[in-house]
Amino acid sequence: MKTLTRWLLLAGALLLVAHLYPGVVVTSFTSALIAALVLGLLNTLLRPILVLLTLPVTVLTLGLFLFIINALMFWAAASLLPGLIVTGFWAALIGSLIYSLCGMVIDVLVERIFPSD
């Protein structure tokens, strides 16, 4: 139940990103659900490898390069899905920042609603 709630709220967060920033377009709630799933899979499978490979650059930039990795994950999801449109790299960067902030709020809310014992 916790995972399903988090998934639905993250799909809503994608719709919020599309509403707040014109560089990101989500065509429907179904597209948002699929995009949230793909973003979760990319962040689970591909992001750790990219973070490990770019560790020297990340350390050199004091962690700021992680924003670039998040933007690339967001942009990659948009390139894989027809229902999520990102107009360019800067749109991916701003969209991923808004989406990450929403994700942090959602994580806190879900943990309060479904406390883990």
Protein backbone atom coordinates (compact mmCIF):
# COMPACT_ATOMS: atom_id res chain seq x y z
CA MET A 1 0.00 0.00 0.00
CA LYS A 2 2.89 2.31 0.84
CA THR A 3 4.53 1.79 -2.57
CA LEU A 4 1.25 2.29 -4.44
CA THR A 5 0.53 5.52 -2.56
CA ARG A 6 4.03 6.81 -3.21
CA TRP A 7 3.75 5.93 -6.92
CA LEU A 8 0.41 7.74 -7.29
CA LEU A 9 1.73 10.81 -5.46
CA LEU A 10 4.88 10.89 -7.60
CA ALA A 11 2.71 10.74 -10.71
CA GLY A 12 0.79 13.70 -9.32
CA ALA A 13 4.12 15.43 -8.70
CA LEU A 14 4.98 15.01 -12.38
CA LEU A 15 1.68 16.66 -13.28
CA LEU A 16 2.54 19.47 -10.86
CA VAL A 17 5.95 19.93 -12.52
CA ALA A 18 4.23 20.16 -15.91
CA HIS A 19 1.81 22.71 -14.49
CA LEU A 20 4.49 24.85 -12.84
CA TYR A 21 7.13 24.81 -15.57
CA PRO A 22 6.25 25.18 -19.27
CA GLY A 23 9.35 23.27 -20.46
CA VAL A 24 7.88 19.98 -19.19
CA VAL A 25 4.68 18.56 -20.66
CA VAL A 26 2.78 15.50 -19.42
CA THR A 27 -0.07 14.50 -21.71
CA SER A 28 -2.25 12.55 -19.24
CA PHE A 29 -2.35 11.00 -15.79
CA THR A 30 -1.66 7.60 -17.35
CA SER A 31 1.47 9.04 -18.95
CA ALA A 32 2.44 10.47 -15.56
CA LEU A 33 2.01 7.05 -13.94
CA ILE A 34 4.20 5.39 -16.56
CA ALA A 35 6.77 8.20 -16.39
CA ALA A 36 6.95 7.96 -12.58
CA LEU A 37 7.55 4.21 -12.91
CA VAL A 38 10.26 4.69 -15.57
CA LEU A 39 11.93 7.45 -13.54
CA GLY A 40 11.94 5.19 -10.50
CA LEU A 41 13.48 2.34 -12.49
CA LEU A 42 16.12 4.61 -14.04
CA ASN A 43 17.00 6.10 -10.67
CA THR A 44 17.20 2.64 -9.12
CA LEU A 45 19.19 0.87 -11.83
CA LEU A 46 21.17 3.44 -13.82
CA ARG A 47 21.77 6.35 -11.43
CA PRO A 48 24.06 4.46 -8.99
CA ILE A 49 26.28 3.39 -11.89
CA LEU A 50 26.48 6.96 -13.19
CA VAL A 51 27.22 8.31 -9.72
CA LEU A 52 30.03 5.79 -9.31
CA LEU A 53 31.50 6.51 -12.74
CA THR A 54 31.40 10.27 -12.23
CA LEU A 55 32.60 10.22 -8.63
CA PRO A 56 35.78 12.26 -9.30
CA VAL A 57 33.78 15.01 -11.03
CA THR A 58 31.17 14.93 -8.27
CA VAL A 59 33.83 15.33 -5.59
CA LEU A 60 35.54 18.08 -7.58
CA THR A 61 32.28 20.03 -7.92
CA LEU A 62 31.34 19.39 -4.27
CA GLY A 63 28.31 17.33 -5.27
CA LEU A 64 26.82 19.79 -7.75
CA PHE A 65 27.33 17.31 -10.59
CA LEU A 66 24.56 15.19 -9.04
CA PHE A 67 22.10 17.81 -10.31
CA ILE A 68 23.35 17.09 -13.82
CA ILE A 69 22.88 13.35 -13.30
CA ASN A 70 19.31 13.95 -12.07
CA ALA A 71 18.60 16.09 -15.12
CA LEU A 72 19.99 13.39 -17.41
CA MET A 73 17.73 10.79 -15.77
CA PHE A 74 14.74 13.08 -16.26
CA TRP A 75 15.71 13.75 -19.87
CA ALA A 76 16.29 10.03 -20.51
CA ALA A 77 12.82 9.19 -19.22
CA ALA A 78 11.35 11.85 -21.51
CA SER A 79 13.21 10.43 -24.50
CA LEU A 80 11.86 6.94 -23.76
CA LEU A 81 8.23 7.97 -23.25
CA PRO A 82 5.93 9.70 -25.72
CA GLY A 83 3.69 11.09 -22.95
CA LEU A 84 6.49 13.04 -21.20
CA ILE A 85 8.01 15.90 -23.18
CA VAL A 86 11.02 17.90 -21.99
CA THR A 87 12.06 20.75 -24.29
CA GLY A 88 15.78 20.76 -23.51
CA PHE A 89 18.52 20.27 -20.95
CA TRP A 90 17.61 23.34 -18.87
CA ALA A 91 13.98 22.22 -18.79
CA ALA A 92 15.18 18.79 -17.62
CA LEU A 93 17.32 20.40 -14.93
CA ILE A 94 14.56 22.63 -13.58
CA GLY A 95 11.96 19.86 -13.93
CA SER A 96 14.15 17.39 -12.09
CA LEU A 97 14.75 19.90 -9.29
CA ILE A 98 11.02 20.51 -8.81
CA TYR A 99 10.31 16.78 -9.06
CA SER A 100 13.02 15.97 -6.50
CA LEU A 101 11.65 18.54 -4.05
CA CYS A 102 8.17 17.09 -4.46
CA GLY A 103 9.63 13.59 -4.00
CA MET A 104 11.23 14.59 -0.70
CA VAL A 105 7.94 16.00 0.58
CA ILE A 106 6.10 12.88 -0.59
CA ASP A 107 8.62 10.62 1.17
CA VAL A 108 8.09 12.48 4.46
CA LEU A 109 4.30 12.35 4.09
CA VAL A 110 4.24 8.66 3.20
CA GLU A 111 6.48 7.82 6.17
CA ARG A 112 4.11 9.71 8.47
CA ILE A 113 1.05 7.98 7.04
CA PHE A 114 2.63 4.50 6.91
CA PRO A 115 5.24 4.38 9.70
CA SER A 116 7.65 1.49 9.39
CA ASP A 117 8.06 -0.55 12.53
